[in-house]
N, C-alpha and C. Protein backbone atom coordinates (compact mmCIF):
# COMPACT_ATOMS: atom_id res chain seq x y z
N MET A 1 25.57 11.59 28.37
CA MET A 1 25.32 12.92 28.91
C MET A 1 26.19 13.98 28.23
N VAL A 2 27.42 13.64 27.91
CA VAL A 2 28.29 14.61 27.24
C VAL A 2 27.79 14.89 25.84
N ALA A 3 27.51 13.84 25.08
CA ALA A 3 27.09 14.00 23.68
C ALA A 3 25.81 14.82 23.56
N THR A 4 24.90 14.67 24.53
CA THR A 4 23.62 15.39 24.48
C THR A 4 23.65 16.70 25.26
N LEU A 5 24.81 17.09 25.78
CA LEU A 5 24.93 18.29 26.63
C LEU A 5 23.94 18.23 27.78
N GLY A 6 23.98 17.13 28.50
CA GLY A 6 23.12 16.99 29.67
C GLY A 6 21.66 16.75 29.33
N GLY A 7 21.38 16.26 28.13
CA GLY A 7 20.01 15.96 27.73
C GLY A 7 19.40 16.94 26.74
N ILE A 8 20.09 18.04 26.45
CA ILE A 8 19.56 19.03 25.52
C ILE A 8 19.33 18.41 24.14
N GLY A 9 20.18 17.49 23.77
CA GLY A 9 20.05 16.84 22.47
C GLY A 9 18.79 16.01 22.31
N LEU A 10 18.10 15.76 23.40
CA LEU A 10 16.87 14.98 23.35
C LEU A 10 15.63 15.86 23.19
N ILE A 11 15.81 17.19 23.24
CA ILE A 11 14.69 18.12 23.07
C ILE A 11 14.30 18.15 21.60
N ARG A 12 13.03 18.08 21.34
CA ARG A 12 12.51 18.14 19.97
C ARG A 12 11.55 19.30 19.85
N PRO A 13 11.46 19.95 18.74
CA PRO A 13 12.28 19.78 17.54
C PRO A 13 13.58 20.56 17.66
N ALA A 14 14.44 20.39 16.68
CA ALA A 14 15.67 21.17 16.50
C ALA A 14 16.63 21.12 17.68
N PRO A 15 17.13 19.94 18.04
CA PRO A 15 18.04 19.85 19.18
C PRO A 15 19.31 20.67 19.02
N GLY A 16 19.82 20.81 17.80
CA GLY A 16 21.02 21.62 17.58
C GLY A 16 20.79 23.09 17.88
N THR A 17 19.61 23.56 17.54
CA THR A 17 19.26 24.96 17.82
C THR A 17 19.14 25.18 19.32
N TRP A 18 18.54 24.24 20.02
CA TRP A 18 18.43 24.35 21.48
C TRP A 18 19.81 24.35 22.12
N ALA A 19 20.72 23.49 21.63
CA ALA A 19 22.06 23.43 22.19
C ALA A 19 22.79 24.75 21.98
N ALA A 20 22.67 25.32 20.78
CA ALA A 20 23.32 26.60 20.50
C ALA A 20 22.73 27.70 21.38
N ALA A 21 21.42 27.71 21.53
CA ALA A 21 20.76 28.73 22.36
C ALA A 21 21.18 28.61 23.82
N PHE A 22 21.39 27.40 24.28
CA PHE A 22 21.81 27.17 25.66
C PHE A 22 23.15 27.84 25.96
N MET A 23 23.98 28.00 24.96
CA MET A 23 25.30 28.60 25.14
C MET A 23 25.28 30.13 25.21
N LEU A 24 24.22 30.75 24.75
CA LEU A 24 24.19 32.21 24.62
C LEU A 24 24.48 32.98 25.90
N PRO A 25 23.97 32.58 27.06
CA PRO A 25 24.30 33.34 28.28
C PRO A 25 25.79 33.36 28.61
N LEU A 26 26.54 32.40 28.07
CA LEU A 26 27.98 32.37 28.33
C LEU A 26 28.72 33.53 27.67
N ALA A 27 28.06 34.24 26.76
CA ALA A 27 28.67 35.42 26.14
C ALA A 27 29.01 36.45 27.21
N TRP A 28 28.22 36.51 28.27
CA TRP A 28 28.48 37.47 29.35
C TRP A 28 29.79 37.17 30.08
N ALA A 29 30.25 35.94 30.00
CA ALA A 29 31.50 35.56 30.66
C ALA A 29 32.72 36.10 29.91
N GLY A 30 32.54 36.50 28.67
CA GLY A 30 33.63 37.07 27.89
C GLY A 30 34.25 36.10 26.91
N PRO A 31 35.05 36.64 25.99
CA PRO A 31 35.62 35.83 24.92
C PRO A 31 36.55 34.71 25.40
N LEU A 32 37.40 34.99 26.37
CA LEU A 32 38.32 33.96 26.83
C LEU A 32 37.57 32.79 27.46
N ALA A 33 36.59 33.09 28.28
CA ALA A 33 35.79 32.03 28.90
C ALA A 33 35.08 31.19 27.82
N CYS A 34 34.56 31.86 26.80
CA CYS A 34 33.90 31.12 25.71
C CYS A 34 34.88 30.20 25.00
N LEU A 35 36.09 30.68 24.77
CA LEU A 35 37.11 29.84 24.11
C LEU A 35 37.51 28.65 24.97
N VAL A 36 37.69 28.89 26.26
CA VAL A 36 38.09 27.81 27.17
C VAL A 36 36.99 26.76 27.25
N ILE A 37 35.76 27.20 27.41
CA ILE A 37 34.65 26.24 27.49
C ILE A 37 34.48 25.51 26.16
N ALA A 38 34.68 26.21 25.05
CA ALA A 38 34.62 25.55 23.73
C ALA A 38 35.68 24.47 23.64
N ALA A 39 36.89 24.75 24.11
CA ALA A 39 37.97 23.76 24.06
C ALA A 39 37.62 22.54 24.92
N VAL A 40 37.02 22.77 26.08
CA VAL A 40 36.60 21.65 26.93
C VAL A 40 35.53 20.82 26.22
N LEU A 41 34.57 21.51 25.59
CA LEU A 41 33.52 20.78 24.87
C LEU A 41 34.08 20.01 23.68
N VAL A 42 35.06 20.57 22.99
CA VAL A 42 35.67 19.87 21.86
C VAL A 42 36.34 18.58 22.35
N ALA A 43 37.14 18.70 23.40
CA ALA A 43 37.82 17.51 23.92
C ALA A 43 36.83 16.47 24.42
N ALA A 44 35.84 16.92 25.19
CA ALA A 44 34.83 15.99 25.71
C ALA A 44 33.99 15.43 24.57
N GLY A 45 33.71 16.25 23.57
CA GLY A 45 32.92 15.81 22.43
C GLY A 45 33.63 14.74 21.62
N PHE A 46 34.92 14.93 21.35
CA PHE A 46 35.66 13.90 20.63
C PHE A 46 35.64 12.58 21.40
N TRP A 47 35.82 12.66 22.70
CA TRP A 47 35.77 11.44 23.53
C TRP A 47 34.39 10.79 23.44
N ALA A 48 33.33 11.59 23.59
CA ALA A 48 31.97 11.04 23.59
C ALA A 48 31.61 10.43 22.24
N VAL A 49 31.94 11.13 21.17
CA VAL A 49 31.60 10.63 19.83
C VAL A 49 32.38 9.36 19.52
N ARG A 50 33.63 9.31 19.93
CA ARG A 50 34.41 8.08 19.73
C ARG A 50 33.81 6.93 20.52
N SER A 51 33.38 7.20 21.74
CA SER A 51 32.72 6.16 22.54
C SER A 51 31.44 5.68 21.88
N LEU A 52 30.66 6.59 21.34
CA LEU A 52 29.42 6.22 20.66
C LEU A 52 29.69 5.39 19.42
N SER A 53 30.75 5.73 18.68
CA SER A 53 31.03 4.98 17.46
C SER A 53 31.42 3.54 17.78
N ARG A 54 32.06 3.33 18.92
CA ARG A 54 32.38 1.96 19.33
C ARG A 54 31.13 1.18 19.71
N GLU A 55 30.08 1.91 20.11
CA GLU A 55 28.82 1.27 20.48
C GLU A 55 27.90 1.11 19.28
N GLY A 56 28.36 1.51 18.09
CA GLY A 56 27.57 1.31 16.88
C GLY A 56 26.56 2.40 16.58
N ALA A 57 26.73 3.59 17.15
CA ALA A 57 25.80 4.69 16.87
C ALA A 57 25.94 5.10 15.41
N GLU A 58 24.87 5.65 14.85
CA GLU A 58 24.92 6.12 13.47
C GLU A 58 25.98 7.22 13.31
N ARG A 59 26.26 7.61 12.08
CA ARG A 59 27.36 8.51 11.77
C ARG A 59 27.32 9.82 12.55
N ASP A 60 26.24 10.56 12.48
CA ASP A 60 26.11 11.83 13.22
C ASP A 60 24.67 11.97 13.68
N PRO A 61 24.32 11.25 14.74
CA PRO A 61 22.93 11.31 15.20
C PRO A 61 22.53 12.72 15.62
N GLY A 62 21.28 13.09 15.36
CA GLY A 62 20.78 14.42 15.67
C GLY A 62 20.85 14.76 17.15
N TRP A 63 20.83 13.77 18.01
CA TRP A 63 20.85 14.03 19.44
C TRP A 63 22.24 14.34 19.96
N VAL A 64 23.27 14.14 19.15
CA VAL A 64 24.63 14.54 19.54
C VAL A 64 24.76 16.03 19.25
N VAL A 65 24.78 16.84 20.31
CA VAL A 65 24.78 18.30 20.15
C VAL A 65 25.96 18.98 20.84
N VAL A 66 26.88 18.22 21.38
CA VAL A 66 28.06 18.83 22.00
C VAL A 66 28.84 19.62 20.96
N ASP A 67 28.79 19.17 19.71
CA ASP A 67 29.48 19.88 18.63
C ASP A 67 28.82 21.23 18.34
N GLU A 68 27.50 21.30 18.42
CA GLU A 68 26.82 22.59 18.26
C GLU A 68 27.18 23.54 19.39
N GLY A 69 27.26 23.02 20.60
CA GLY A 69 27.65 23.87 21.73
C GLY A 69 29.03 24.46 21.53
N ALA A 70 29.98 23.64 21.10
CA ALA A 70 31.35 24.12 20.89
C ALA A 70 31.40 25.13 19.74
N GLY A 71 30.70 24.85 18.65
CA GLY A 71 30.69 25.76 17.51
C GLY A 71 30.09 27.11 17.86
N GLN A 72 29.00 27.09 18.62
CA GLN A 72 28.37 28.35 19.02
C GLN A 72 29.29 29.16 19.92
N LEU A 73 29.99 28.49 20.81
CA LEU A 73 30.92 29.19 21.70
C LEU A 73 32.07 29.83 20.92
N LEU A 74 32.49 29.21 19.83
CA LEU A 74 33.54 29.84 19.01
C LEU A 74 33.07 31.19 18.50
N VAL A 75 31.84 31.25 17.99
CA VAL A 75 31.34 32.52 17.47
C VAL A 75 31.19 33.53 18.61
N LEU A 76 30.72 33.10 19.75
CA LEU A 76 30.58 34.01 20.89
C LEU A 76 31.93 34.56 21.35
N SER A 77 33.00 33.80 21.12
CA SER A 77 34.33 34.28 21.54
C SER A 77 34.80 35.47 20.71
N ALA A 78 34.14 35.75 19.60
CA ALA A 78 34.51 36.90 18.77
C ALA A 78 33.82 38.18 19.21
N ILE A 79 32.98 38.07 20.22
CA ILE A 79 32.22 39.23 20.71
C ILE A 79 32.88 39.73 21.99
N PRO A 80 33.20 41.01 22.06
CA PRO A 80 33.83 41.51 23.28
C PRO A 80 32.86 41.49 24.47
N ALA A 81 33.41 41.34 25.64
CA ALA A 81 32.59 41.38 26.85
C ALA A 81 31.86 42.71 26.91
N GLY A 82 30.61 42.67 27.27
CA GLY A 82 29.81 43.87 27.40
C GLY A 82 29.26 44.42 26.10
N ALA A 83 29.43 43.69 25.01
CA ALA A 83 28.89 44.15 23.72
C ALA A 83 27.37 44.13 23.79
N PRO A 84 26.71 44.97 22.99
CA PRO A 84 25.25 44.97 22.96
C PRO A 84 24.70 43.58 22.63
N TRP A 85 23.53 43.27 23.17
CA TRP A 85 22.94 41.94 23.01
C TRP A 85 22.67 41.58 21.56
N LEU A 86 22.56 42.57 20.68
CA LEU A 86 22.35 42.27 19.26
C LEU A 86 23.52 41.50 18.66
N TRP A 87 24.72 41.70 19.19
CA TRP A 87 25.86 40.92 18.72
C TRP A 87 25.70 39.45 19.08
N VAL A 88 25.15 39.18 20.25
CA VAL A 88 24.91 37.79 20.67
C VAL A 88 23.86 37.15 19.77
N VAL A 89 22.81 37.89 19.46
CA VAL A 89 21.77 37.39 18.55
C VAL A 89 22.38 37.13 17.18
N LEU A 90 23.21 38.04 16.71
CA LEU A 90 23.87 37.87 15.42
C LEU A 90 24.77 36.62 15.44
N ALA A 91 25.51 36.42 16.51
CA ALA A 91 26.38 35.25 16.62
C ALA A 91 25.57 33.96 16.54
N PHE A 92 24.44 33.94 17.20
CA PHE A 92 23.54 32.78 17.16
C PHE A 92 23.03 32.55 15.75
N ALA A 93 22.53 33.62 15.12
CA ALA A 93 21.97 33.50 13.77
C ALA A 93 23.03 33.04 12.77
N LEU A 94 24.23 33.59 12.86
CA LEU A 94 25.29 33.20 11.94
C LEU A 94 25.67 31.74 12.10
N PHE A 95 25.84 31.31 13.34
CA PHE A 95 26.22 29.91 13.56
C PHE A 95 25.15 28.98 13.02
N ARG A 96 23.89 29.24 13.35
CA ARG A 96 22.83 28.36 12.88
C ARG A 96 22.71 28.41 11.35
N PHE A 97 22.89 29.58 10.76
CA PHE A 97 22.85 29.73 9.30
C PHE A 97 23.89 28.82 8.65
N PHE A 98 25.14 28.94 9.09
CA PHE A 98 26.21 28.13 8.49
C PHE A 98 26.05 26.65 8.80
N ASP A 99 25.59 26.33 10.02
CA ASP A 99 25.43 24.93 10.42
C ASP A 99 24.29 24.25 9.66
N ILE A 100 23.20 24.95 9.48
CA ILE A 100 22.04 24.34 8.81
C ILE A 100 22.24 24.27 7.30
N LEU A 101 22.72 25.34 6.68
CA LEU A 101 22.87 25.35 5.22
C LEU A 101 24.07 24.53 4.74
N LYS A 102 25.07 24.41 5.58
CA LYS A 102 26.25 23.59 5.28
C LYS A 102 26.91 23.96 3.96
N TRP A 103 27.10 25.25 3.76
CA TRP A 103 27.77 25.74 2.57
C TRP A 103 29.27 25.48 2.63
N GLY A 104 29.87 25.28 1.49
CA GLY A 104 31.32 25.21 1.36
C GLY A 104 31.98 24.22 2.29
N PRO A 105 32.96 24.69 3.08
CA PRO A 105 33.72 23.76 3.91
C PRO A 105 32.88 23.07 5.00
N VAL A 106 31.78 23.67 5.40
CA VAL A 106 30.93 23.02 6.40
C VAL A 106 30.31 21.76 5.79
N GLY A 107 29.78 21.89 4.59
CA GLY A 107 29.19 20.73 3.90
C GLY A 107 30.23 19.68 3.58
N TRP A 108 31.42 20.13 3.18
CA TRP A 108 32.50 19.19 2.89
C TRP A 108 32.83 18.36 4.12
N ALA A 109 32.99 19.02 5.27
CA ALA A 109 33.29 18.30 6.51
C ALA A 109 32.13 17.41 6.93
N ASP A 110 30.91 17.86 6.71
CA ASP A 110 29.73 17.09 7.10
C ASP A 110 29.61 15.78 6.29
N ARG A 111 30.10 15.77 5.07
CA ARG A 111 29.99 14.58 4.22
C ARG A 111 31.06 13.53 4.53
N ARG A 112 32.04 13.86 5.34
CA ARG A 112 33.10 12.91 5.69
C ARG A 112 32.60 11.94 6.75
N LYS A 113 33.19 10.77 6.76
CA LYS A 113 32.81 9.76 7.75
C LYS A 113 33.89 9.67 8.82
N GLY A 114 33.46 9.39 10.02
CA GLY A 114 34.39 9.21 11.13
C GLY A 114 34.10 10.17 12.26
N THR A 115 34.58 9.81 13.43
CA THR A 115 34.29 10.59 14.63
C THR A 115 34.85 12.00 14.57
N PHE A 116 36.00 12.17 13.94
CA PHE A 116 36.62 13.49 13.82
C PHE A 116 35.68 14.46 13.12
N TRP A 117 35.01 14.01 12.08
CA TRP A 117 34.18 14.88 11.23
C TRP A 117 32.85 15.23 11.88
N VAL A 118 32.36 14.39 12.79
CA VAL A 118 31.13 14.71 13.50
C VAL A 118 31.29 16.03 14.24
N MET A 119 32.44 16.23 14.84
CA MET A 119 32.71 17.46 15.56
C MET A 119 33.14 18.59 14.62
N LEU A 120 33.91 18.25 13.60
CA LEU A 120 34.55 19.29 12.82
C LEU A 120 33.60 20.15 12.00
N ASP A 121 32.52 19.59 11.48
CA ASP A 121 31.63 20.42 10.65
C ASP A 121 31.07 21.60 11.45
N ASP A 122 30.75 21.38 12.71
CA ASP A 122 30.22 22.48 13.53
C ASP A 122 31.31 23.46 13.96
N LEU A 123 32.52 22.98 14.10
CA LEU A 123 33.63 23.88 14.39
C LEU A 123 33.94 24.76 13.18
N VAL A 124 33.81 24.21 11.99
CA VAL A 124 34.00 25.00 10.77
C VAL A 124 32.88 26.04 10.66
N ALA A 125 31.64 25.64 10.96
CA ALA A 125 30.53 26.60 10.95
C ALA A 125 30.79 27.72 11.95
N GLY A 126 31.32 27.36 13.11
CA GLY A 126 31.68 28.36 14.11
C GLY A 126 32.77 29.29 13.61
N ALA A 127 33.78 28.73 12.95
CA ALA A 127 34.87 29.55 12.42
C ALA A 127 34.36 30.51 11.35
N MET A 128 33.44 30.06 10.53
CA MET A 128 32.87 30.95 9.51
C MET A 128 32.08 32.08 10.17
N GLY A 129 31.36 31.75 11.24
CA GLY A 129 30.64 32.78 12.00
C GLY A 129 31.60 33.78 12.62
N VAL A 130 32.73 33.29 13.13
CA VAL A 130 33.75 34.18 13.70
C VAL A 130 34.25 35.15 12.64
N ALA A 131 34.51 34.64 11.44
CA ALA A 131 35.02 35.49 10.36
C ALA A 131 34.04 36.62 10.05
N VAL A 132 32.76 36.31 10.00
CA VAL A 132 31.75 37.33 9.70
C VAL A 132 31.66 38.34 10.84
N VAL A 133 31.64 37.87 12.08
CA VAL A 133 31.55 38.78 13.23
C VAL A 133 32.76 39.71 13.26
N LEU A 134 33.95 39.17 13.06
CA LEU A 134 35.15 40.01 13.09
C LEU A 134 35.16 41.03 11.94
N ALA A 135 34.68 40.61 10.78
CA ALA A 135 34.59 41.55 9.66
C ALA A 135 33.61 42.67 9.97
N LEU A 136 32.46 42.32 10.54
CA LEU A 136 31.47 43.33 10.90
C LEU A 136 31.99 44.26 11.99
N ARG A 137 32.71 43.72 12.96
CA ARG A 137 33.28 44.56 14.01
C ARG A 137 34.30 45.53 13.45
N ALA A 138 35.06 45.09 12.43
CA ALA A 138 36.03 45.98 11.81
C ALA A 138 35.34 47.07 10.98
N LEU A 139 34.24 46.71 10.35
CA LEU A 139 33.51 47.68 9.53
C LEU A 139 32.65 48.63 10.36
N LEU A 140 32.21 48.15 11.53
CA LEU A 140 31.31 48.92 12.39
C LEU A 140 31.87 49.04 13.81
N PRO A 141 33.05 49.63 13.98
CA PRO A 141 33.64 49.65 15.32
C PRO A 141 32.79 50.38 16.37
N GLU A 142 32.00 51.35 15.93
CA GLU A 142 31.18 52.10 16.89
C GLU A 142 29.97 51.29 17.37
N ALA A 143 29.69 50.16 16.73
CA ALA A 143 28.53 49.33 17.12
C ALA A 143 28.84 48.44 18.32
N GLY A 144 30.04 48.44 18.80
CA GLY A 144 30.35 47.63 19.97
C GLY A 144 31.29 46.57 19.63
């Protein structure tokens, strides 16, 4: 249940996209809440992925989406409470862009083996999304 975020990972097609989308309403809770929930998902995700690896699960099965949830929440934590909804859409698009294309450090982390790396590639994608959101907020302060 943890690895699939309560079954979201079993939705087809694109379970990672569904998991990321499921997190979007949490943007209304504000940046701190997003960070706290992301930290809880990271801890629970590491536990779940380690448990799955002991059961012989493949390296990074598509139905494991707790990592996508945590990564998406990282990007949402860069958006101030009450920001226009376009920032939330941008956060979603950026996270999915970096997660799917796996450029640079995201791809590097994705190619590693072990339970640590199953979670880390999505956290790196989230961190890259945070960097873009913060840069845009600095360049466009009047946009929210």
